[in-house]
Amino acid sequence: MEKKVYLITNRSLQSQLLLNFLTQESDASVIFLDINQSFTPDAITQSIVLYDVQASSRRASKRWSGLFNRSEGHFRGYLINCPTSLSVYEKISWPFFESMISRDCPTESLLNLISKAEKSLPGMNKRYLSKKSQNIPTGSPRIKDLTEREYEILSELCKGGSNLQIANNFFISEHTVRTHIYNIFKKISVTNRTQAANWANHQFTKCLSE
């Protein structure tokens, strides 16, 4: 089976340079996918996927993460060009993606990562896929049905934000913040901010580890 690498990004000089580099240096067939276009996830089975976070809008991220989650992880996925910090919501939205690669990562390091992933593609058997599926905890916020705003506030709690700081960040009242925090605590079965932060960190660590 031909090994394929899907580079999902927008059309820009930077993405074209990356595409050219990977095409020249990788043994796999490198395919560009426009991040703003629709796509059938079945086509990525037994392949490597590079998703460009920097090029992605919030709407695009929601659409693509939904597509990948429905594909049940039959691929090796990596988030590339990640900012130094992602919100809890963003991290947990990509449970089948194995690593987050920063914007500062040298292209040579990315190529090495792809080379290692290529070697494992033929061995992506049912046992491997089952292992990846188990990385999605049954008590994850997706299952608990936290809203996006609750994810955002949970992310601020992880950073140590006070109710007033969170209210100012999202242009809402402190009363609204307290209501969101109450709902978050209830949904994830914790009683204080420290427990909530520990719970959130545990969830996205499990989601992004093998």
Protein backbone atom coordinates (compact mmCIF):
# COMPACT_ATOMS: atom_id res chain seq x y z
CA MET A 1 0.00 0.00 0.00
CA GLU A 2 1.29 3.45 -0.95
CA LYS A 3 2.12 5.55 2.10
CA LYS A 4 0.41 8.93 2.12
CA VAL A 5 0.87 12.13 4.10
CA TYR A 6 -2.02 14.59 4.10
CA LEU A 7 -1.02 18.19 4.79
CA ILE A 8 -4.14 20.10 5.80
CA THR A 9 -3.51 23.83 5.65
CA ASN A 10 -4.35 26.95 3.65
CA ARG A 11 -2.73 28.14 0.45
CA SER A 12 0.24 30.33 1.31
CA LEU A 13 3.93 30.68 0.55
CA GLN A 14 4.80 29.04 3.87
CA SER A 15 2.56 26.03 3.26
CA GLN A 16 3.88 25.66 -0.30
CA LEU A 17 7.46 25.63 0.97
CA LEU A 18 6.56 22.98 3.55
CA LEU A 19 4.74 20.93 0.92
CA ASN A 20 7.74 21.11 -1.43
CA PHE A 21 10.14 20.12 1.35
CA LEU A 22 8.08 17.12 2.44
CA THR A 23 7.53 16.02 -1.17
CA GLN A 24 11.26 16.08 -1.87
CA GLU A 25 12.46 14.54 1.38
CA SER A 26 9.75 12.04 2.34
CA ASP A 27 9.31 8.59 0.83
CA ALA A 28 5.54 8.96 1.13
CA SER A 29 3.17 10.63 -1.29
CA VAL A 30 2.42 14.10 0.15
CA ILE A 31 -1.06 15.44 -0.58
CA PHE A 32 -2.25 19.00 0.03
CA LEU A 33 -5.77 19.47 1.40
CA ASP A 34 -7.31 22.93 1.61
CA ILE A 35 -8.28 23.52 5.23
CA ASN A 36 -11.32 25.52 4.10
CA GLN A 37 -12.74 22.78 1.88
CA SER A 38 -14.85 19.73 2.75
CA PHE A 39 -13.29 16.28 2.83
CA THR A 40 -14.30 12.64 3.30
CA PRO A 41 -12.43 11.18 6.30
CA ASP A 42 -12.51 7.63 4.88
CA ALA A 43 -9.74 8.63 2.46
CA ILE A 44 -7.21 9.10 5.27
CA THR A 45 -7.28 5.48 6.46
CA GLN A 46 -3.77 4.05 6.92
CA SER A 47 -2.15 7.44 6.36
CA ILE A 48 -0.38 10.27 8.19
CA VAL A 49 -2.26 13.52 8.79
CA LEU A 50 -0.63 16.89 9.51
CA TYR A 51 -3.19 19.50 10.58
CA ASP A 52 -2.01 23.12 10.56
CA VAL A 53 -3.44 24.74 13.69
CA GLN A 54 -2.02 28.16 12.80
CA ALA A 55 -3.96 28.19 9.51
CA SER A 56 -7.20 27.00 11.07
CA SER A 57 -10.18 29.13 12.03
CA ARG A 58 -12.41 28.10 14.91
CA ARG A 59 -15.08 26.95 12.45
CA ALA A 60 -12.57 24.88 10.46
CA SER A 61 -11.20 23.29 13.63
CA LYS A 62 -14.68 22.22 14.71
CA ARG A 63 -15.46 20.75 11.29
CA TRP A 64 -12.19 18.87 10.89
CA SER A 65 -11.99 17.57 14.46
CA GLY A 66 -15.53 16.25 14.07
CA LEU A 67 -14.58 14.47 10.84
CA PHE A 68 -11.49 12.91 12.38
CA ASN A 69 -13.32 11.79 15.51
CA ARG A 70 -15.89 10.00 13.35
CA SER A 71 -13.06 8.23 11.48
CA GLU A 72 -12.23 6.39 14.75
CA GLY A 73 -8.51 7.05 14.56
CA HIS A 74 -7.51 4.89 11.58
CA PHE A 75 -4.53 7.18 10.89
CA ARG A 76 -1.48 8.77 12.53
CA GLY A 77 -2.35 12.38 13.29
CA TYR A 78 -0.19 15.34 14.34
CA LEU A 79 -1.16 18.95 15.03
CA ILE A 80 1.51 21.23 13.55
CA ASN A 81 2.30 24.94 13.94
CA CYS A 82 0.72 24.97 17.38
CA PRO A 83 0.93 28.13 19.51
CA THR A 84 2.76 27.93 22.83
CA SER A 85 -0.51 27.31 24.63
CA LEU A 86 -3.78 25.76 23.54
CA SER A 87 -6.98 25.92 25.54
CA VAL A 88 -8.37 22.83 27.24
CA TYR A 89 -11.20 22.90 24.70
CA GLU A 90 -8.78 22.84 21.77
CA LYS A 91 -6.65 20.04 23.20
CA ILE A 92 -9.50 17.68 24.01
CA SER A 93 -11.11 18.31 20.62
CA TRP A 94 -8.41 16.18 18.93
CA PRO A 95 -8.41 12.84 20.83
CA PHE A 96 -6.99 10.77 17.95
CA PHE A 97 -4.05 13.11 17.32
CA GLU A 98 -0.87 11.90 18.96
CA SER A 99 1.32 15.01 19.27
CA MET A 100 1.22 18.79 19.18
CA ILE A 101 4.16 20.27 17.27
CA SER A 102 5.05 23.90 17.95
CA ARG A 103 5.57 26.62 15.36
CA ASP A 104 9.28 26.63 16.21
CA CYS A 105 9.80 22.97 15.37
CA PRO A 106 12.45 22.59 12.61
CA THR A 107 11.17 21.01 9.40
CA GLU A 108 13.86 18.34 9.75
CA SER A 109 12.35 17.26 13.08
CA LEU A 110 8.93 17.07 11.46
CA LEU A 111 10.39 14.92 8.70
CA ASN A 112 11.91 12.56 11.29
CA LEU A 113 8.53 12.26 12.98
CA ILE A 114 6.89 11.39 9.66
CA SER A 115 9.58 8.80 8.90
CA LYS A 116 8.95 7.05 12.22
CA ALA A 117 5.19 7.15 11.65
CA GLU A 118 5.58 5.69 8.15
CA LYS A 119 7.25 2.59 9.56
CA SER A 120 4.26 1.86 11.78
CA LEU A 121 1.58 2.33 9.12
CA PRO A 122 1.54 -1.29 7.88
CA GLY A 123 1.17 -2.42 11.48
CA MET A 124 -1.91 -0.37 12.26
CA ASN A 125 -3.90 -3.44 13.15
CA LYS A 126 -6.98 -3.80 15.30
CA ARG A 127 -4.95 -4.02 18.50
CA TYR A 128 -3.21 -0.70 17.76
CA LEU A 129 -6.46 1.03 16.84
CA SER A 130 -8.14 -0.36 19.93
CA LYS A 131 -5.33 1.09 22.04
CA LYS A 132 -5.86 4.52 20.48
CA SER A 133 -9.60 4.33 21.10
CA GLN A 134 -8.95 3.61 24.76
CA ASN A 135 -7.15 6.95 25.05
CA ILE A 136 -10.52 8.71 24.97
CA PRO A 137 -11.64 8.61 28.60
CA THR A 138 -15.26 7.73 29.25
CA GLY A 139 -15.49 10.69 31.59
CA SER A 140 -14.17 13.21 29.08
CA PRO A 141 -15.91 16.57 28.59
CA ARG A 142 -17.22 15.38 25.23
CA ILE A 143 -19.21 12.75 27.06
CA LYS A 144 -20.10 15.05 29.94
CA ASP A 145 -21.30 17.59 27.36
CA LEU A 146 -19.53 20.72 28.54
CA THR A 147 -20.31 23.74 26.40
CA GLU A 148 -17.57 25.58 24.55
CA ARG A 149 -17.82 28.50 26.99
CA GLU A 150 -17.45 26.07 29.89
CA TYR A 151 -14.31 24.68 28.24
CA GLU A 152 -12.96 28.22 27.87
CA ILE A 153 -13.62 29.04 31.51
CA LEU A 154 -12.13 25.71 32.60
CA SER A 155 -9.03 26.65 30.62
CA GLU A 156 -8.84 29.95 32.51
CA LEU A 157 -9.23 28.11 35.81
CA CYS A 158 -6.24 25.95 34.85
CA LYS A 159 -4.22 29.16 34.43
CA GLY A 160 -5.25 30.34 37.91
CA GLY A 161 -7.64 33.05 36.74
CA SER A 162 -9.93 34.67 39.31
CA ASN A 163 -13.65 35.17 38.72
CA LEU A 164 -13.04 38.85 38.02
CA GLN A 165 -10.24 38.15 35.55
CA ILE A 166 -12.34 35.56 33.73
CA ALA A 167 -15.30 37.94 33.61
CA ASN A 168 -13.12 40.67 32.10
CA ASN A 169 -11.58 38.29 29.57
CA PHE A 170 -14.96 37.19 28.22
CA PHE A 171 -16.89 40.43 28.82
CA ILE A 172 -19.40 38.76 31.11
CA SER A 173 -20.43 39.38 34.72
CA GLU A 174 -18.86 37.68 37.72
CA HIS A 175 -22.27 36.20 38.48
CA THR A 176 -22.27 34.52 35.06
CA VAL A 177 -18.75 33.21 35.70
CA ARG A 178 -19.84 31.74 39.04
CA THR A 179 -22.79 30.06 37.31
CA HIS A 180 -20.51 28.53 34.67
CA ILE A 181 -18.06 27.31 37.32
CA TYR A 182 -20.89 25.75 39.32
CA ASN A 183 -22.09 23.91 36.20
CA ILE A 184 -18.55 22.77 35.37
CA PHE A 185 -17.95 21.41 38.87
CA LYS A 186 -21.26 19.58 38.76
CA LYS A 187 -20.62 18.01 35.35
CA ILE A 188 -17.10 16.78 36.13
CA SER A 189 -17.84 15.88 39.77
CA VAL A 190 -15.31 18.11 41.54
CA THR A 191 -15.67 20.57 44.40
CA ASN A 192 -12.89 23.14 43.92
CA ARG A 193 -10.65 24.81 41.34
CA THR A 194 -7.60 22.68 42.05
CA GLN A 195 -9.56 19.49 41.46
CA ALA A 196 -11.03 20.96 38.27
CA ALA A 197 -7.58 21.92 36.94
CA ASN A 198 -6.13 18.50 37.80
CA TRP A 199 -9.08 16.79 36.14
CA ALA A 200 -8.72 18.86 32.96
CA ASN A 201 -4.97 18.27 32.71
CA HIS A 202 -5.50 14.55 33.22
CA GLN A 203 -8.14 14.41 30.48
CA PHE A 204 -6.18 16.04 27.68
CA THR A 205 -2.95 14.27 28.70
CA LYS A 206 -4.72 10.93 28.23
CA CYS A 207 -6.26 12.06 24.96
CA LEU A 208 -2.93 13.07 23.43
CA SER A 209 -0.77 10.20 24.66
CA GLU A 210 -0.40 6.75 23.20
